[in-house]
Amino acid sequence: MCNCNKSKKSITAPAVRRSQPRPEYANAGPPELTIEEGETLDEKCRTMGEYLGLGGPVPVQIMIAAIENPSYAYRLLDSTNSPDEIRRLLDNPPPVRQRSHTNMELVAKAGRALVRWGLSGFSSAGEDMLLRRETACLACPHLAAPKKVLQKLSASAKPVNETGKRTGNKICTICGCVVKNKMRLATDTCPDEVPETPGVNRWGEGLAAG
């Protein structure tokens, strides 16, 4: 069980250097992280846990869920000032596809994810990208009302006739993400391939490598 209410301190996780003092997340992205060779999966879990203010590592399954689901990772790191929300997210990770990964593969994936999160600052989709994605989602047969409590809490249920808000709190039945949150994250992607255009998803973007 995580100790989300534990006061945060300026901590540098093993084998990770912070290039500058951590800024407030409301004003900037996560601090840039430099990952050293030889770091283990446990250390990468600790890096994420310390950033979230847990006072220890996140469980391995949480790290894997965050790697596989960028929207989930975004919500975790965007909730550093809300211990209750972090606790809900940690207790309700999204399902991940069952894959066979070696420990070295997981370490490499976790390392790339930490760097990506630190460098990208979870950049938001621009207005044109957001409109294109939302229009595609509104016409998608996989758009559905949420069933899980966490999904219902992740966005306002009332659709608004405004770009980025027209899907309300509806989810994608393929990945389980709340569409309103998912389409705003520039680094996230639609999981559904368009049959007429192999390799391209419903957003008109390249399909992510499996």
N, C-alpha and C. Protein backbone atom coordinates (compact mmCIF):
# COMPACT_ATOMS: atom_id res chain seq x y z
N MET A 1 0.86 -1.20 0.00
CA MET A 1 0.00 0.00 0.00
C MET A 1 0.89 1.23 0.00
N CYS A 2 0.58 2.17 -0.86
CA CYS A 2 1.45 3.35 -0.97
C CYS A 2 1.18 4.32 0.16
N ASN A 3 2.18 5.11 0.49
CA ASN A 3 2.05 6.14 1.50
C ASN A 3 1.97 7.47 0.81
N CYS A 4 0.83 7.74 0.13
CA CYS A 4 0.70 8.90 -0.74
C CYS A 4 0.71 10.20 0.04
N ASN A 5 0.39 10.14 1.35
CA ASN A 5 0.33 11.38 2.11
C ASN A 5 1.66 11.78 2.71
N LYS A 6 2.66 10.96 2.47
CA LYS A 6 3.98 11.26 3.00
C LYS A 6 4.51 12.51 2.36
N SER A 7 5.07 13.40 3.16
CA SER A 7 5.56 14.65 2.60
C SER A 7 6.67 14.39 1.62
N LYS A 8 6.70 15.21 0.57
CA LYS A 8 7.68 15.03 -0.49
C LYS A 8 8.98 15.73 -0.13
N LYS A 9 10.07 15.14 -0.52
CA LYS A 9 11.38 15.74 -0.33
C LYS A 9 12.09 15.77 -1.66
N SER A 10 13.14 16.57 -1.72
CA SER A 10 13.93 16.61 -2.94
C SER A 10 14.82 15.40 -2.97
N ILE A 11 14.43 14.39 -3.73
CA ILE A 11 15.12 13.11 -3.75
C ILE A 11 15.58 12.79 -5.15
N THR A 12 16.80 12.34 -5.27
CA THR A 12 17.28 11.85 -6.56
C THR A 12 17.37 10.35 -6.47
N ALA A 13 16.62 9.64 -7.28
CA ALA A 13 16.60 8.19 -7.25
C ALA A 13 17.94 7.64 -7.69
N PRO A 14 18.22 6.37 -7.37
CA PRO A 14 19.52 5.77 -7.74
C PRO A 14 19.81 5.91 -9.22
N ALA A 15 21.03 6.34 -9.51
CA ALA A 15 21.53 6.43 -10.89
C ALA A 15 20.74 7.39 -11.76
N VAL A 16 20.06 8.36 -11.14
CA VAL A 16 19.33 9.36 -11.92
C VAL A 16 19.77 10.74 -11.47
N ARG A 17 20.12 11.58 -12.43
CA ARG A 17 20.53 12.95 -12.11
C ARG A 17 19.44 13.89 -12.54
N ARG A 18 19.07 14.84 -11.69
CA ARG A 18 18.14 15.87 -12.08
C ARG A 18 18.97 17.05 -12.63
N SER A 19 18.61 17.53 -13.81
CA SER A 19 19.38 18.59 -14.42
C SER A 19 19.11 19.93 -13.74
N GLN A 20 17.97 20.04 -13.01
CA GLN A 20 17.63 21.27 -12.34
C GLN A 20 16.62 20.94 -11.25
N PRO A 21 16.43 21.84 -10.26
CA PRO A 21 15.43 21.57 -9.23
C PRO A 21 14.07 21.34 -9.85
N ARG A 22 13.29 20.46 -9.24
CA ARG A 22 11.99 20.12 -9.79
C ARG A 22 11.06 21.32 -9.79
N PRO A 23 10.53 21.71 -10.95
CA PRO A 23 9.58 22.81 -11.00
C PRO A 23 8.19 22.32 -10.61
N GLU A 24 7.29 23.24 -10.34
CA GLU A 24 5.91 22.84 -10.11
C GLU A 24 5.33 22.31 -11.40
N TYR A 25 4.67 21.15 -11.35
CA TYR A 25 4.19 20.52 -12.57
C TYR A 25 3.13 21.36 -13.27
N ALA A 26 2.42 22.20 -12.50
CA ALA A 26 1.39 23.03 -13.13
C ALA A 26 1.99 24.02 -14.11
N ASN A 27 3.27 24.34 -13.93
CA ASN A 27 3.90 25.34 -14.77
C ASN A 27 4.88 24.76 -15.77
N ALA A 28 5.23 23.50 -15.62
CA ALA A 28 6.23 22.91 -16.52
C ALA A 28 6.09 21.41 -16.51
N GLY A 29 6.80 20.76 -17.43
CA GLY A 29 6.77 19.31 -17.51
C GLY A 29 7.65 18.69 -16.45
N PRO A 30 7.66 17.36 -16.36
CA PRO A 30 8.51 16.68 -15.39
C PRO A 30 9.97 17.02 -15.64
N PRO A 31 10.83 16.96 -14.61
CA PRO A 31 12.23 17.29 -14.79
C PRO A 31 12.92 16.34 -15.75
N GLU A 32 13.89 16.84 -16.47
CA GLU A 32 14.62 16.00 -17.41
C GLU A 32 15.42 14.97 -16.63
N LEU A 33 15.36 13.72 -17.05
CA LEU A 33 16.03 12.64 -16.35
C LEU A 33 17.13 12.06 -17.21
N THR A 34 18.26 11.80 -16.61
CA THR A 34 19.36 11.15 -17.32
C THR A 34 19.49 9.73 -16.78
N ILE A 35 19.26 8.75 -17.63
CA ILE A 35 19.29 7.35 -17.20
C ILE A 35 20.68 6.77 -17.43
N GLU A 36 21.24 6.19 -16.41
CA GLU A 36 22.58 5.63 -16.50
C GLU A 36 22.53 4.16 -16.88
N GLU A 37 23.56 3.68 -17.54
CA GLU A 37 23.67 2.27 -17.88
C GLU A 37 23.76 1.44 -16.60
N GLY A 38 23.19 0.25 -16.64
CA GLY A 38 23.26 -0.62 -15.49
C GLY A 38 22.13 -0.45 -14.50
N GLU A 39 21.25 0.52 -14.74
CA GLU A 39 20.14 0.71 -13.82
C GLU A 39 19.16 -0.45 -13.95
N THR A 40 18.61 -0.88 -12.84
CA THR A 40 17.70 -2.02 -12.83
C THR A 40 16.25 -1.58 -12.93
N LEU A 41 15.36 -2.55 -13.15
CA LEU A 41 13.94 -2.24 -13.21
C LEU A 41 13.45 -1.70 -11.86
N ASP A 42 13.96 -2.28 -10.77
CA ASP A 42 13.57 -1.80 -9.44
C ASP A 42 13.94 -0.33 -9.26
N GLU A 43 15.11 0.05 -9.77
CA GLU A 43 15.54 1.44 -9.65
C GLU A 43 14.67 2.37 -10.48
N LYS A 44 14.24 1.90 -11.63
CA LYS A 44 13.35 2.71 -12.46
C LYS A 44 11.98 2.87 -11.81
N CYS A 45 11.52 1.79 -11.15
CA CYS A 45 10.27 1.88 -10.40
C CYS A 45 10.42 2.87 -9.24
N ARG A 46 11.60 2.87 -8.64
CA ARG A 46 11.85 3.81 -7.54
C ARG A 46 11.88 5.24 -8.06
N THR A 47 12.46 5.43 -9.25
CA THR A 47 12.49 6.77 -9.84
C THR A 47 11.08 7.32 -9.99
N MET A 48 10.19 6.50 -10.52
CA MET A 48 8.82 6.94 -10.71
C MET A 48 8.12 7.15 -9.37
N GLY A 49 8.36 6.23 -8.43
CA GLY A 49 7.74 6.34 -7.11
C GLY A 49 8.16 7.59 -6.37
N GLU A 50 9.45 7.92 -6.46
CA GLU A 50 9.93 9.12 -5.78
C GLU A 50 9.33 10.37 -6.41
N TYR A 51 9.19 10.35 -7.73
CA TYR A 51 8.59 11.51 -8.40
C TYR A 51 7.14 11.71 -7.95
N LEU A 52 6.43 10.59 -7.74
CA LEU A 52 5.03 10.66 -7.32
C LEU A 52 4.90 10.96 -5.82
N GLY A 53 6.03 10.96 -5.12
CA GLY A 53 5.99 11.25 -3.70
C GLY A 53 5.59 10.08 -2.84
N LEU A 54 5.84 8.86 -3.31
CA LEU A 54 5.42 7.67 -2.58
C LEU A 54 6.41 7.26 -1.50
N GLY A 55 7.62 7.78 -1.56
CA GLY A 55 8.63 7.39 -0.59
C GLY A 55 9.21 6.03 -0.86
N GLY A 56 8.97 5.48 -2.06
CA GLY A 56 9.48 4.18 -2.44
C GLY A 56 9.07 3.89 -3.87
N PRO A 57 9.42 2.71 -4.38
CA PRO A 57 9.12 2.40 -5.78
C PRO A 57 7.64 2.11 -6.03
N VAL A 58 7.19 2.37 -7.24
CA VAL A 58 5.86 1.92 -7.64
C VAL A 58 5.97 0.42 -7.90
N PRO A 59 4.88 -0.33 -7.76
CA PRO A 59 4.92 -1.76 -8.10
C PRO A 59 5.28 -1.94 -9.58
N VAL A 60 5.92 -3.04 -9.89
CA VAL A 60 6.33 -3.31 -11.27
C VAL A 60 5.13 -3.27 -12.21
N GLN A 61 3.98 -3.79 -11.77
CA GLN A 61 2.81 -3.82 -12.65
C GLN A 61 2.31 -2.40 -12.97
N ILE A 62 2.54 -1.46 -12.04
CA ILE A 62 2.16 -0.07 -12.30
C ILE A 62 3.09 0.53 -13.34
N MET A 63 4.39 0.26 -13.23
CA MET A 63 5.34 0.75 -14.22
C MET A 63 5.00 0.21 -15.60
N ILE A 64 4.68 -1.09 -15.68
CA ILE A 64 4.35 -1.69 -16.97
C ILE A 64 3.08 -1.07 -17.53
N ALA A 65 2.07 -0.86 -16.68
CA ALA A 65 0.83 -0.24 -17.14
C ALA A 65 1.09 1.17 -17.66
N ALA A 66 1.97 1.91 -17.01
CA ALA A 66 2.28 3.27 -17.44
C ALA A 66 3.05 3.27 -18.76
N ILE A 67 3.92 2.28 -18.94
CA ILE A 67 4.67 2.17 -20.19
C ILE A 67 3.73 1.85 -21.34
N GLU A 68 2.81 0.93 -21.10
CA GLU A 68 1.91 0.46 -22.16
C GLU A 68 0.77 1.44 -22.43
N ASN A 69 0.43 2.27 -21.46
CA ASN A 69 -0.72 3.16 -21.58
C ASN A 69 -0.30 4.60 -21.26
N PRO A 70 0.11 5.39 -22.28
CA PRO A 70 0.56 6.76 -22.04
C PRO A 70 -0.46 7.64 -21.33
N SER A 71 -1.75 7.41 -21.58
CA SER A 71 -2.78 8.22 -20.92
C SER A 71 -2.76 7.97 -19.41
N TYR A 72 -2.54 6.72 -19.02
CA TYR A 72 -2.46 6.38 -17.60
C TYR A 72 -1.23 7.04 -16.98
N ALA A 73 -0.11 6.98 -17.68
CA ALA A 73 1.11 7.62 -17.19
C ALA A 73 0.89 9.11 -17.02
N TYR A 74 0.24 9.72 -18.00
CA TYR A 74 -0.03 11.15 -17.96
C TYR A 74 -0.86 11.52 -16.72
N ARG A 75 -1.91 10.73 -16.47
CA ARG A 75 -2.77 11.05 -15.33
C ARG A 75 -2.02 10.87 -14.01
N LEU A 76 -1.15 9.86 -13.94
CA LEU A 76 -0.36 9.66 -12.72
C LEU A 76 0.54 10.86 -12.45
N LEU A 77 1.34 11.25 -13.44
CA LEU A 77 2.29 12.33 -13.23
C LEU A 77 1.62 13.69 -13.14
N ASP A 78 0.40 13.78 -13.63
CA ASP A 78 -0.33 15.04 -13.55
C ASP A 78 -1.09 15.16 -12.23
N SER A 79 -0.98 14.13 -11.37
CA SER A 79 -1.74 14.12 -10.12
C SER A 79 -0.84 14.20 -8.90
N THR A 80 0.38 14.71 -9.09
CA THR A 80 1.34 14.72 -7.98
C THR A 80 0.88 15.58 -6.81
N ASN A 81 -0.03 16.51 -7.04
CA ASN A 81 -0.54 17.34 -5.95
C ASN A 81 -1.87 16.82 -5.40
N SER A 82 -2.27 15.62 -5.82
CA SER A 82 -3.54 15.05 -5.37
C SER A 82 -3.32 13.60 -4.93
N PRO A 83 -2.93 13.40 -3.66
CA PRO A 83 -2.68 12.04 -3.15
C PRO A 83 -3.86 11.10 -3.33
N ASP A 84 -5.08 11.62 -3.16
CA ASP A 84 -6.26 10.75 -3.30
C ASP A 84 -6.39 10.24 -4.73
N GLU A 85 -6.13 11.12 -5.71
CA GLU A 85 -6.22 10.71 -7.11
C GLU A 85 -5.12 9.72 -7.45
N ILE A 86 -3.92 9.94 -6.93
CA ILE A 86 -2.82 8.99 -7.15
C ILE A 86 -3.19 7.63 -6.57
N ARG A 87 -3.79 7.63 -5.39
CA ARG A 87 -4.17 6.36 -4.77
C ARG A 87 -5.20 5.62 -5.63
N ARG A 88 -6.17 6.36 -6.16
CA ARG A 88 -7.18 5.73 -7.01
C ARG A 88 -6.54 5.14 -8.27
N LEU A 89 -5.59 5.89 -8.85
CA LEU A 89 -4.94 5.41 -10.06
C LEU A 89 -4.06 4.19 -9.78
N LEU A 90 -3.37 4.20 -8.65
CA LEU A 90 -2.53 3.06 -8.30
C LEU A 90 -3.36 1.82 -8.00
N ASP A 91 -4.54 2.02 -7.43
CA ASP A 91 -5.40 0.89 -7.09
C ASP A 91 -6.19 0.36 -8.29
N ASN A 92 -6.23 1.16 -9.37
CA ASN A 92 -7.02 0.76 -10.54
C ASN A 92 -6.24 0.93 -11.85
N PRO A 93 -5.11 0.23 -11.98
CA PRO A 93 -4.35 0.36 -13.24
C PRO A 93 -5.13 -0.25 -14.40
N PRO A 94 -4.93 0.28 -15.60
CA PRO A 94 -5.62 -0.29 -16.76
C PRO A 94 -5.05 -1.67 -17.09
N PRO A 95 -5.84 -2.52 -17.72
CA PRO A 95 -5.32 -3.84 -18.11
C PRO A 95 -4.24 -3.68 -19.17
N VAL A 96 -3.26 -4.55 -19.14
CA VAL A 96 -2.20 -4.51 -20.15
C VAL A 96 -2.21 -5.82 -20.91
N ARG A 97 -1.79 -5.75 -22.16
CA ARG A 97 -1.73 -6.96 -22.96
C ARG A 97 -0.68 -7.91 -22.40
N GLN A 98 -1.04 -9.17 -22.35
CA GLN A 98 -0.13 -10.18 -21.82
C GLN A 98 0.99 -10.43 -22.83
N ARG A 99 2.19 -10.03 -22.48
CA ARG A 99 3.34 -10.24 -23.36
C ARG A 99 4.46 -10.90 -22.58
N SER A 100 5.33 -11.54 -23.30
CA SER A 100 6.47 -12.17 -22.67
C SER A 100 7.69 -11.28 -22.86
N HIS A 101 8.10 -10.60 -21.79
CA HIS A 101 9.25 -9.71 -21.84
C HIS A 101 10.35 -10.25 -20.92
N THR A 102 11.59 -10.17 -21.38
CA THR A 102 12.69 -10.47 -20.48
C THR A 102 12.89 -9.27 -19.57
N ASN A 103 13.59 -9.48 -18.47
CA ASN A 103 13.85 -8.38 -17.55
C ASN A 103 14.62 -7.26 -18.25
N MET A 104 15.55 -7.62 -19.12
CA MET A 104 16.33 -6.60 -19.84
C MET A 104 15.43 -5.77 -20.74
N GLU A 105 14.46 -6.42 -21.38
CA GLU A 105 13.53 -5.69 -22.25
C GLU A 105 12.69 -4.71 -21.44
N LEU A 106 12.24 -5.15 -20.25
CA LEU A 106 11.44 -4.28 -19.40
C LEU A 106 12.27 -3.09 -18.91
N VAL A 107 13.53 -3.35 -18.55
CA VAL A 107 14.40 -2.26 -18.11
C VAL A 107 14.59 -1.25 -19.22
N ALA A 108 14.81 -1.74 -20.45
CA ALA A 108 15.01 -0.85 -21.58
C ALA A 108 13.75 -0.03 -21.85
N LYS A 109 12.59 -0.69 -21.80
CA LYS A 109 11.32 0.01 -22.03
C LYS A 109 11.09 1.06 -20.95
N ALA A 110 11.34 0.69 -19.70
CA ALA A 110 11.13 1.63 -18.60
C ALA A 110 12.07 2.82 -18.73
N GLY A 111 13.32 2.55 -19.11
CA GLY A 111 14.28 3.63 -19.28
C GLY A 111 13.86 4.60 -20.37
N ARG A 112 13.42 4.06 -21.51
CA ARG A 112 12.96 4.92 -22.61
C ARG A 112 11.73 5.72 -22.19
N ALA A 113 10.85 5.09 -21.42
CA ALA A 113 9.64 5.78 -20.98
C ALA A 113 9.99 6.93 -20.04
N LEU A 114 10.90 6.71 -19.11
CA LEU A 114 11.28 7.78 -18.19
C LEU A 114 11.88 8.96 -18.94
N VAL A 115 12.75 8.66 -19.89
CA VAL A 115 13.35 9.73 -20.69
C VAL A 115 12.27 10.45 -21.50
N ARG A 116 11.38 9.67 -22.13
CA ARG A 116 10.33 10.27 -22.95
C ARG A 116 9.44 11.17 -22.11
N TRP A 117 9.07 10.71 -20.93
CA TRP A 117 8.21 11.52 -20.08
C TRP A 117 8.92 12.79 -19.65
N GLY A 118 10.20 12.67 -19.35
CA GLY A 118 10.93 13.86 -18.91
C GLY A 118 11.18 14.85 -20.02
N LEU A 119 11.47 14.38 -21.21
CA LEU A 119 11.80 15.27 -22.32
C LEU A 119 10.57 15.86 -22.98
N SER A 120 9.50 15.08 -23.07
CA SER A 120 8.33 15.56 -23.78
C SER A 120 7.48 16.49 -22.94
N GLY A 121 7.56 16.33 -21.61
CA GLY A 121 6.71 17.14 -20.75
C GLY A 121 5.24 16.88 -21.02
N PHE A 122 4.94 15.71 -21.58
CA PHE A 122 3.57 15.37 -21.93
C PHE A 122 2.94 16.48 -22.75
N SER A 123 3.54 16.76 -23.89
CA SER A 123 3.05 17.84 -24.75
C SER A 123 1.61 17.58 -25.17
N SER A 124 0.82 18.65 -25.21
CA SER A 124 -0.58 18.55 -25.58
C SER A 124 -0.75 18.61 -27.09
N ALA A 125 -1.79 17.99 -27.57
CA ALA A 125 -2.11 18.03 -29.00
C ALA A 125 -2.53 19.45 -29.38
N GLY A 126 -2.10 19.92 -30.54
CA GLY A 126 -2.50 21.23 -31.03
C GLY A 126 -3.97 21.23 -31.42
N GLU A 127 -4.52 22.40 -31.69
CA GLU A 127 -5.95 22.53 -32.00
C GLU A 127 -6.34 21.70 -33.21
N ASP A 128 -5.55 21.75 -34.28
CA ASP A 128 -5.88 20.99 -35.49
C ASP A 128 -5.83 19.49 -35.23
N MET A 129 -4.79 19.04 -34.53
CA MET A 129 -4.66 17.62 -34.21
C MET A 129 -5.82 17.17 -33.32
N LEU A 130 -6.16 17.98 -32.33
CA LEU A 130 -7.24 17.64 -31.41
C LEU A 130 -8.56 17.52 -32.15
N LEU A 131 -8.85 18.46 -33.04
CA LEU A 131 -10.10 18.44 -33.80
C LEU A 131 -10.17 17.21 -34.70
N ARG A 132 -9.05 16.88 -35.36
CA ARG A 132 -9.03 15.71 -36.24
C ARG A 132 -9.25 14.43 -35.45
N ARG A 133 -8.59 14.30 -34.33
CA ARG A 133 -8.72 13.11 -33.50
C ARG A 133 -10.14 12.98 -32.95
N GLU A 134 -10.66 14.09 -32.45
CA GLU A 134 -12.00 14.06 -31.84
C GLU A 134 -13.08 13.71 -32.86
N THR A 135 -12.97 14.28 -34.05
CA THR A 135 -13.94 14.00 -35.11
C THR A 135 -13.93 12.51 -35.45
N ALA A 136 -12.73 11.93 -35.51
CA ALA A 136 -12.62 10.50 -35.81
C ALA A 136 -13.21 9.66 -34.68
N CYS A 137 -12.98 10.07 -33.44
CA CYS A 137 -13.49 9.32 -32.29
C CYS A 137 -15.02 9.37 -32.22
N LEU A 138 -15.59 10.52 -32.55
CA LEU A 138 -17.04 10.65 -32.51
C LEU A 138 -17.73 9.73 -33.51
N ALA A 139 -17.02 9.41 -34.60
CA ALA A 139 -17.59 8.53 -35.63
C ALA A 139 -17.16 7.08 -35.45
N CYS A 140 -16.42 6.81 -34.39
CA CYS A 140 -15.86 5.47 -34.20
C CYS A 140 -16.84 4.53 -33.48
N PRO A 141 -16.98 3.30 -33.96
CA PRO A 141 -17.88 2.34 -33.30
C PRO A 141 -17.37 1.86 -31.94
N HIS A 142 -16.11 2.16 -31.63
CA HIS A 142 -15.52 1.73 -30.35
C HIS A 142 -15.69 2.77 -29.25
N LEU A 143 -16.36 3.88 -29.54
CA LEU A 143 -16.63 4.91 -28.53
C LEU A 143 -17.85 4.46 -27.72
N ALA A 144 -17.70 4.39 -26.39
CA ALA A 144 -18.79 3.87 -25.56
C ALA A 144 -18.81 4.55 -24.19
N ALA A 145 -19.92 4.42 -23.51
CA ALA A 145 -20.05 4.98 -22.16
C ALA A 145 -19.15 4.19 -21.20
N PRO A 146 -18.56 4.85 -20.22
CA PRO A 146 -17.69 4.15 -19.27
C PRO A 146 -18.47 3.24 -18.35
N LYS A 147 -17.81 2.19 -17.87
CA LYS A 147 -18.44 1.25 -16.96
C LYS A 147 -17.74 1.22 -15.60
N LYS A 148 -16.42 1.46 -15.60
CA LYS A 148 -15.67 1.42 -14.35
C LYS A 148 -15.73 2.77 -13.64
N VAL A 149 -15.65 2.73 -12.32
CA VAL A 149 -15.74 3.95 -11.52
C VAL A 149 -14.63 4.93 -11.89
N LEU A 150 -13.39 4.42 -12.02
CA LEU A 150 -12.27 5.30 -12.32
C LEU A 150 -12.46 5.99 -13.65
N GLN A 151 -12.98 5.27 -14.63
CA GLN A 151 -13.22 5.87 -15.95
C GLN A 151 -14.26 6.98 -15.84
N LYS A 152 -15.28 6.77 -15.03
CA LYS A 152 -16.33 7.77 -14.88
C LYS A 152 -15.80 9.02 -14.19
N LEU A 153 -14.82 8.86 -13.32
CA LEU A 153 -14.27 10.00 -12.58
C LEU A 153 -13.22 10.76 -13.36
N SER A 154 -12.72 10.19 -14.46
CA SER A 154 -11.58 10.76 -15.16
C SER A 154 -11.93 11.96 -16.04
N ALA A 155 -13.19 12.21 -16.31
CA ALA A 155 -13.60 13.34 -17.14
C ALA A 155 -15.06 13.64 -16.88
N SER A 156 -15.46 14.87 -17.23
CA SER A 156 -16.86 15.26 -17.06
C SER A 156 -17.75 14.42 -17.97
N ALA A 157 -18.87 13.95 -17.42
CA ALA A 157 -19.76 13.07 -18.18
C ALA A 157 -20.57 13.84 -19.22
N LYS A 158 -20.71 15.14 -19.04
CA LYS A 158 -21.57 15.92 -19.93
C LYS A 158 -20.79 16.41 -21.15
N PRO A 159 -21.16 15.95 -22.35
CA PRO A 159 -20.49 16.43 -23.56
C PRO A 159 -20.78 17.92 -23.75
N VAL A 160 -19.78 18.65 -24.22
CA VAL A 160 -19.92 20.08 -24.47
C VAL A 160 -19.58 20.33 -25.93
N ASN A 161 -20.34 21.17 -26.60
CA ASN A 161 -20.10 21.45 -28.01
C ASN A 161 -18.90 22.38 -28.17
N GLU A 162 -17.76 21.84 -27.82
CA GLU A 162 -16.49 22.58 -27.87
C GLU A 162 -15.39 21.58 -28.17
N THR A 163 -14.47 21.96 -29.03
CA THR A 163 -13.40 21.05 -29.42
C THR A 163 -12.69 20.49 -28.19
N GLY A 164 -12.56 19.20 -28.14
CA GLY A 164 -11.88 18.54 -27.03
C GLY A 164 -12.80 18.10 -25.91
N LYS A 165 -14.09 18.48 -25.99
CA LYS A 165 -15.02 18.16 -24.91
C LYS A 165 -16.28 17.44 -25.39
N ARG A 166 -16.35 17.16 -26.67
CA ARG A 166 -17.58 16.61 -27.24
C ARG A 166 -17.80 15.13 -26.94
N THR A 167 -16.78 14.44 -26.46
CA THR A 167 -16.94 13.02 -26.14
C THR A 167 -17.32 12.78 -24.68
N GLY A 168 -17.40 13.85 -23.89
CA GLY A 168 -17.74 13.68 -22.48
C GLY A 168 -16.74 12.77 -21.79
N ASN A 169 -17.24 11.78 -21.05
CA ASN A 169 -16.34 10.83 -20.39
C ASN A 169 -16.38 9.46 -21.06
N LYS A 170 -16.76 9.42 -22.32
CA LYS A 170 -16.81 8.15 -23.04
C LYS A 170 -15.41 7.58 -23.22
N ILE A 171 -15.36 6.26 -23.35
CA ILE A 171 -14.08 5.56 -23.44
C ILE A 171 -13.91 4.86 -24.79
N CYS A 172 -12.68 4.46 -25.06
CA CYS A 172 -12.38 3.61 -26.20
C CYS A 172 -12.47 2.17 -25.69
N THR A 173 -13.31 1.37 -26.31
CA THR A 173 -13.49 -0.01 -25.83
C THR A 173 -12.31 -0.91 -26.18
N ILE A 174 -11.40 -0.43 -27.03
CA ILE A 174 -10.21 -1.23 -27.36
C ILE A 174 -9.16 -1.11 -26.28
N CYS A 175 -8.81 0.14 -25.92
CA CYS A 175 -7.73 0.34 -24.94
C CYS A 175 -8.24 0.67 -23.54
N GLY A 176 -9.53 1.04 -23.42
CA GLY A 176 -10.09 1.36 -22.11
C GLY A 176 -9.83 2.77 -21.64
N CYS A 177 -9.18 3.59 -22.48
CA CYS A 177 -8.85 4.96 -22.09
C CYS A 177 -10.06 5.88 -22.21
N VAL A 178 -10.11 6.90 -21.36
CA VAL A 178 -11.10 7.96 -21.52
C VAL A 178 -10.66 8.79 -22.71
N VAL A 179 -11.49 8.85 -23.74
CA VAL A 179 -11.09 9.45 -25.01
C VAL A 179 -10.73 10.92 -24.87
N LYS A 180 -11.46 11.64 -24.05
CA LYS A 180 -11.20 13.07 -23.87
C LYS A 180 -9.78 13.32 -23.40
N ASN A 181 -9.28 12.46 -22.51
CA ASN A 181 -7.92 12.60 -22.02
C ASN A 181 -6.91 12.08 -23.03
N LYS A 182 -7.24 10.96 -23.63
CA LYS A 182 -6.32 10.28 -24.55
C LYS A 182 -5.97 11.15 -25.75
N MET A 183 -6.98 11.76 -26.37
CA MET A 183 -6.73 12.49 -27.62
C MET A 183 -5.97 13.79 -27.40
N ARG A 184 -5.92 14.27 -26.15
CA ARG A 184 -5.20 15.51 -25.86
C ARG A 184 -3.69 15.28 -25.71
N LEU A 185 -3.30 14.05 -25.51
CA LEU A 185 -1.88 13.74 -25.30
C LEU A 185 -1.22 13.49 -26.65
N ALA A 186 -0.35 14.40 -27.05
CA ALA A 186 0.25 14.34 -28.39
C ALA A 186 0.98 13.03 -28.64
N THR A 187 1.58 12.46 -27.59
CA THR A 187 2.36 11.24 -27.77
C THR A 187 1.52 9.97 -27.72
N ASP A 188 0.23 10.11 -27.43
CA ASP A 188 -0.63 8.92 -27.40
C ASP A 188 -1.09 8.60 -28.82
N THR A 189 -1.73 7.46 -28.99
CA THR A 189 -2.11 7.04 -30.34
C THR A 189 -3.39 6.22 -30.31
N CYS A 190 -4.12 6.24 -31.41
CA CYS A 190 -5.31 5.41 -31.57
C CYS A 190 -4.87 3.98 -31.86
N PRO A 191 -5.45 2.98 -31.19
CA PRO A 191 -5.02 1.59 -31.40
C PRO A 191 -5.69 0.86 -32.56
N ASP A 192 -6.65 1.55 -33.24
CA ASP A 192 -7.45 0.85 -34.26
C ASP A 192 -6.98 1.17 -35.67
N GLU A 193 -6.57 0.15 -36.38
CA GLU A 193 -6.09 0.32 -37.76
C GLU A 193 -7.26 0.44 -38.73
N VAL A 194 -7.13 1.34 -39.70
CA VAL A 194 -8.15 1.49 -40.73
C VAL A 194 -7.89 0.44 -41.81
N PRO A 195 -8.86 -0.45 -42.08
CA PRO A 195 -8.64 -1.54 -43.04
C PRO A 195 -8.20 -1.06 -44.41
N GLU A 196 -8.74 0.08 -44.85
CA GLU A 196 -8.41 0.58 -46.18
C GLU A 196 -6.99 1.16 -46.28
N THR A 197 -6.42 1.50 -45.15
CA THR A 197 -5.08 2.09 -45.15
C THR A 197 -4.22 1.39 -44.09
N PRO A 198 -3.68 0.23 -44.42
CA PRO A 198 -2.85 -0.52 -43.46
C PRO A 198 -1.72 0.34 -42.88
N GLY A 199 -1.52 0.22 -41.57
CA GLY A 199 -0.47 0.98 -40.92
C GLY A 199 -0.90 2.35 -40.45
N VAL A 200 -2.15 2.73 -40.76
CA VAL A 200 -2.66 4.04 -40.36
C VAL A 200 -3.88 3.84 -39.46
N ASN A 201 -3.97 4.59 -38.37
CA ASN A 201 -5.10 4.43 -37.46
C ASN A 201 -6.24 5.40 -37.79
N ARG A 202 -7.29 5.36 -37.01
CA ARG A 202 -8.47 6.18 -37.27
C ARG A 202 -8.19 7.68 -37.13
N TRP A 203 -7.12 8.02 -36.43
CA TRP A 203 -6.74 9.42 -36.30
C TRP A 203 -5.98 9.93 -37.52
N GLY A 204 -5.70 9.02 -38.47
CA GLY A 204 -4.92 9.39 -39.64
C GLY A 204 -3.44 9.47 -39.34
N GLU A 205 -3.03 8.77 -38.27
CA GLU A 205 -1.62 8.77 -37.86
C GLU A 205 -1.08 7.35 -37.96
N GLY A 206 0.23 7.24 -37.97
CA GLY A 206 0.85 5.93 -38.05
C GLY A 206 0.49 5.07 -36.86
N LEU A 207 0.19 3.81 -37.11
CA LEU A 207 -0.17 2.88 -36.05
C LEU A 207 1.07 2.57 -35.23
N ALA A 208 0.93 2.60 -33.93
CA ALA A 208 2.07 2.32 -33.05
C ALA A 208 2.53 0.89 -33.22
N ALA A 209 3.85 0.70 -33.15
CA ALA A 209 4.40 -0.66 -33.27
C ALA A 209 3.97 -1.48 -32.07
N GLY A 210 3.58 -2.74 -32.35
CA GLY A 210 3.13 -3.60 -31.25
C GLY A 210 4.25 -4.00 -30.36
